[in-house]
Protein backbone atom coordinates (compact mmCIF):
# COMPACT_ATOMS: atom_id res chain seq x y z
CA MET A 1 72.98 53.45 78.45
CA MET A 2 73.68 56.95 79.32
CA THR A 3 72.22 59.63 77.23
CA GLN A 4 73.03 63.36 77.92
CA MET A 5 70.12 65.49 76.26
CA GLU A 6 70.79 68.99 75.31
CA PRO A 7 67.67 71.09 75.43
CA GLN A 8 66.02 72.28 72.14
CA SER A 9 65.30 75.85 71.39
CA LEU A 10 61.65 76.66 72.63
CA ASN A 11 59.42 79.66 72.86
CA THR A 12 59.82 80.06 76.52
CA PRO A 13 60.01 83.26 78.80
CA LYS A 14 63.30 84.93 79.41
CA THR A 15 65.16 83.35 82.36
CA SER A 16 66.88 85.23 85.29
CA PRO A 17 70.80 84.75 85.84
CA ASP A 18 69.99 82.10 88.68
CA GLU A 19 67.64 80.29 86.39
CA GLU A 20 70.33 80.39 83.43
CA VAL A 21 72.86 78.72 85.84
CA ALA A 22 70.24 75.99 86.60
CA LEU A 23 69.57 75.38 82.89
CA SER A 24 73.28 75.10 82.16
CA ALA A 25 73.38 71.75 84.08
CA PRO A 26 71.93 69.15 81.67
CA ILE A 27 69.60 66.47 82.86
CA ILE A 28 71.11 62.91 82.65
CA SER A 29 68.69 60.16 81.52
CA ARG A 30 70.04 56.56 82.23
CA VAL A 31 68.22 53.22 81.18
CA SER A 32 70.79 50.81 82.62
CA PRO A 33 71.28 48.03 80.06
CA TRP A 34 71.44 45.43 82.81
CA LEU A 35 69.22 46.93 85.45
CA ALA A 36 66.32 47.59 83.22
CA PRO A 37 65.90 43.83 82.10
CA LEU A 38 66.00 42.59 85.63
CA ALA A 39 63.50 45.27 86.90
CA TYR A 40 61.06 44.23 83.98
CA PHE A 41 61.63 40.68 84.68
CA PHE A 42 60.94 40.95 88.51
CA GLY A 43 58.10 43.45 88.16
CA CYS A 44 56.26 41.41 85.36
CA ARG A 45 57.06 37.83 86.36
CA VAL A 46 57.34 37.90 90.20
CA ILE A 47 55.79 41.12 91.90
CA LEU A 48 52.69 41.50 89.78
CA PRO A 49 51.51 37.75 89.64
CA LEU A 50 52.67 36.91 93.11
CA TYR A 51 51.95 39.96 95.28
CA PHE A 52 48.57 41.15 93.69
CA GLY A 53 45.56 38.97 93.14
CA LYS A 54 43.69 39.54 89.77
CA VAL A 55 45.19 41.88 87.39
CA ALA A 56 42.77 42.84 84.64
CA ILE A 57 44.06 44.68 81.71
CA SER A 58 42.09 46.16 78.84
CA GLY A 59 43.10 48.66 75.77
CA GLN A 60 46.65 47.45 75.40
CA GLU A 61 46.01 47.66 71.67
CA ASN A 62 45.87 51.57 72.11
CA LEU A 63 49.56 51.62 73.05
CA PRO A 64 51.56 52.87 70.13
CA THR A 65 54.74 50.91 69.37
CA THR A 66 56.47 53.86 67.46
CA GLY A 67 56.53 57.41 67.69
CA PRO A 68 56.59 60.07 70.67
CA VAL A 69 54.08 59.23 73.12
CA ILE A 70 53.01 60.71 76.52
CA LEU A 71 51.28 58.15 78.77
CA ALA A 72 49.07 59.69 81.17
CA PRO A 73 48.00 57.23 84.09
CA THR A 74 46.01 58.07 87.08
CA HIS A 75 48.14 58.02 90.26
CA ARG A 76 46.57 55.79 93.01
CA SER A 77 49.66 54.35 94.76
CA ARG A 78 53.36 54.20 94.65
CA TRP A 79 52.77 50.57 93.05
CA ASP A 80 51.82 52.53 89.82
CA ALA A 81 55.70 52.69 89.30
CA VAL A 82 55.75 48.98 88.87
CA VAL A 83 52.31 48.65 87.27
CA VAL A 84 52.66 51.14 84.42
CA PRO A 85 55.92 49.66 83.04
CA GLY A 86 54.53 46.15 83.42
CA VAL A 87 51.54 46.76 81.31
CA SER A 88 52.95 49.26 78.82
CA GLY A 89 56.76 49.14 78.82
CA ARG A 90 59.32 46.74 77.24
CA PRO A 91 57.26 43.31 77.53
CA VAL A 92 54.20 44.78 75.71
CA THR A 93 55.57 47.66 73.36
CA GLY A 94 59.27 46.77 73.25
CA ARG A 95 59.87 50.26 74.53
CA ASP A 96 61.71 51.51 77.70
CA LEU A 97 59.67 54.27 79.53
CA THR A 98 61.09 57.55 80.78
CA PHE A 99 59.30 58.76 83.76
CA MET A 100 58.82 62.34 85.06
CA VAL A 101 58.96 61.74 88.96
CA SER A 102 58.77 64.17 91.82
CA GLU A 103 62.04 65.30 93.40
CA ASN A 104 61.74 63.42 96.72
CA GLU A 105 61.21 60.09 94.67
CA ALA A 106 64.73 60.74 93.12
CA SER A 107 66.86 60.86 96.24
CA GLY A 108 68.65 58.34 98.22
CA LEU A 109 68.81 54.59 97.35
CA GLN A 110 65.42 54.75 95.68
CA GLY A 111 66.50 57.69 93.53
CA TRP A 112 69.59 55.72 92.49
CA PHE A 113 67.28 52.92 91.03
CA VAL A 114 64.80 55.56 89.72
CA CYS A 115 67.55 57.48 87.76
CA ARG A 116 68.77 54.21 86.21
CA LEU A 117 65.40 53.16 85.13
CA GLY A 118 64.60 56.18 82.87
CA GLY A 119 63.35 58.51 85.69
CA PHE A 120 64.10 62.13 85.94
CA PRO A 121 63.10 64.54 88.71
CA VAL A 122 60.64 67.47 88.50
CA ASN A 123 59.51 70.23 90.97
CA THR A 124 55.82 69.36 90.97
CA ASP A 125 54.95 72.81 92.65
CA ARG A 126 57.11 74.76 90.28
CA PRO A 127 58.28 72.81 87.11
CA SER A 128 61.35 74.54 85.68
CA ILE A 129 61.97 75.49 82.10
CA ARG A 130 64.80 72.99 81.91
CA THR A 131 62.37 70.09 82.83
CA LEU A 132 60.04 71.22 80.08
CA ARG A 133 62.87 71.27 77.44
CA TYR A 134 64.05 67.87 78.57
CA GLY A 135 60.63 66.41 78.22
CA VAL A 136 60.37 67.83 74.77
CA GLU A 137 63.66 66.23 73.89
CA VAL A 138 62.45 62.86 75.13
CA LEU A 139 59.63 63.11 72.67
CA LEU A 140 62.04 64.23 69.88
CA GLN A 141 63.85 61.00 70.18
CA GLN A 142 60.53 59.17 69.73
CA GLU A 143 60.28 57.75 73.03
CA MET A 144 57.40 57.30 75.58
CA LEU A 145 57.39 59.54 78.41
CA VAL A 146 55.14 58.92 81.49
CA ILE A 147 53.57 61.86 83.36
CA PHE A 148 51.11 61.36 86.14
CA PRO A 149 48.82 64.44 85.22
CA GLU A 150 46.92 64.62 88.68
CA GLY A 151 50.44 65.52 90.03
CA ASN A 152 49.89 63.53 93.16
CA ILE A 153 48.68 60.38 94.63
CA PHE A 154 44.83 60.23 95.16
CA ARG A 155 43.21 57.41 97.00
CA ASP A 156 39.57 58.14 96.80
CA GLY A 157 39.00 56.76 93.29
CA SER A 158 38.10 60.19 91.60
CA VAL A 159 39.99 61.88 88.90
CA HIS A 160 41.21 65.06 90.24
CA PRO A 161 41.77 68.27 88.37
CA LEU A 162 44.77 67.70 85.94
CA LYS A 163 47.86 69.91 86.16
CA PRO A 164 48.40 71.92 82.82
CA GLY A 165 52.06 70.97 82.63
CA LEU A 166 51.52 67.68 80.40
CA ALA A 167 49.44 69.75 77.90
CA ARG A 168 51.95 72.53 77.73
CA LEU A 169 54.75 70.12 77.12
CA ALA A 170 52.81 68.12 74.34
CA LEU A 171 51.88 71.36 72.57
CA SER A 172 55.48 72.76 72.81
CA ALA A 173 57.00 69.53 71.26
CA GLU A 174 54.28 69.53 68.53
CA THR A 175 54.23 73.29 67.88
CA THR A 176 58.04 73.80 67.61
CA HIS A 177 58.50 70.59 65.53
CA PRO A 178 55.37 70.37 63.13
CA GLY A 179 54.63 66.76 61.98
CA LEU A 180 56.26 65.39 65.09
CA GLY A 181 53.06 63.29 65.73
CA VAL A 182 52.86 63.46 69.56
CA GLN A 183 50.05 61.26 71.04
CA VAL A 184 48.80 61.32 74.70
CA VAL A 185 47.52 57.91 75.94
CA PRO A 186 45.12 57.97 79.02
CA MET A 187 45.50 55.21 81.55
CA GLY A 188 43.02 54.59 84.36
CA ILE A 189 44.45 52.52 87.25
CA LYS A 190 42.23 51.21 90.12
CA TYR A 191 43.11 49.21 92.91
CA SER A 192 40.59 47.02 95.19
CA GLN A 193 41.90 48.68 98.14
CA SER A 194 42.91 52.24 98.80
CA TYR A 195 46.28 51.03 100.22
CA PRO A 196 47.12 48.05 98.09
CA GLN A 197 48.23 45.02 100.14
CA TRP A 198 49.10 41.31 99.43
CA GLY A 199 46.19 40.01 97.39
CA SER A 200 44.63 43.23 96.20
CA ASP A 201 43.12 43.29 92.78
CA ILE A 202 44.12 45.71 89.92
CA SER A 203 42.16 47.00 87.02
CA ILE A 204 44.00 48.86 84.24
CA CYS A 205 42.10 50.60 81.19
CA ILE A 206 44.06 52.19 78.49
CA GLY A 207 42.15 54.49 76.25
CA SER A 208 42.56 55.67 72.71
CA PRO A 209 45.36 58.09 72.03
CA LEU A 210 44.65 61.87 71.78
CA LYS A 211 46.60 63.32 68.80
CA VAL A 212 48.15 66.58 69.93
CA ALA A 213 48.37 67.93 66.26
CA THR A 214 44.54 68.21 66.19
CA TYR A 215 44.77 70.81 68.93
CA ASN A 216 45.52 73.66 66.52
CA GLN A 217 42.91 76.19 66.89
CA GLY A 218 43.10 79.31 69.31
CA SER A 219 45.81 80.47 71.59
CA VAL A 220 48.32 78.21 73.14
CA LYS A 221 46.60 78.82 76.58
CA GLN A 222 43.16 77.97 74.96
CA ARG A 223 44.65 74.67 73.29
CA ALA A 224 46.37 73.61 76.50
CA LYS A 225 43.16 74.08 78.41
CA GLN A 226 41.09 72.11 75.78
CA LEU A 227 43.75 69.15 75.66
CA THR A 228 43.77 69.18 79.50
CA THR A 229 39.84 69.03 79.51
CA ASP A 230 39.69 66.30 76.97
CA LEU A 231 42.30 64.26 78.85
CA GLU A 232 40.58 64.52 82.01
CA ASN A 233 37.30 63.42 80.52
CA ALA A 234 39.08 60.37 79.00
CA LEU A 235 40.43 59.44 82.36
CA LYS A 236 36.95 59.85 83.97
CA ALA A 237 35.33 57.58 81.33
CA LEU A 238 38.18 54.97 81.87
CA ILE A 239 37.65 54.46 85.70
């Protein structure tokens, strides 16, 4: 199903003429009604059980089945794009996931599939206002949005400093729409090998949600910093 999302009004900085042109082109989100079920079937029933060894999952009861959610996994491999939907998407929660992906992942043949499975591109070095607004709109539609808060793949097993964008987006949604009820769910992913191969084991730990509405003290910058710190600590505890 193709959905064209128009940005909602946010308290964002004024944009230049060039930025206004960019903002006028809406982002298109597509979750294909035929491709998504196939992708979940092959991912959950074929790839995960046949390619990988032991897949240990804990904390799935922490996944909300309704309401706006930002799922915040650690990023350890490109396999994460298969693992995350397999342990938190349609087969588990009954929900399709919307992924925020880097621009290079949304190009070519891979990009064709990504964009039809709920993915939308973002410039990880310089996220645009349009991307922020689109992410807020996803939450307004009571959907589950996946953002890798570290920004890049890290294979050393440590949680690296988180980018501030996730917290800013979450707070923008909750502040401009009081009572929305955005929750941020930390997810720790660990592979038995730095570069997962056939037979590698996976451990996935899903933590308790952080309720964004509770971050209501201080300036927006202070609240975003506190939410980012709490999420980073939660991810460290999970791994």
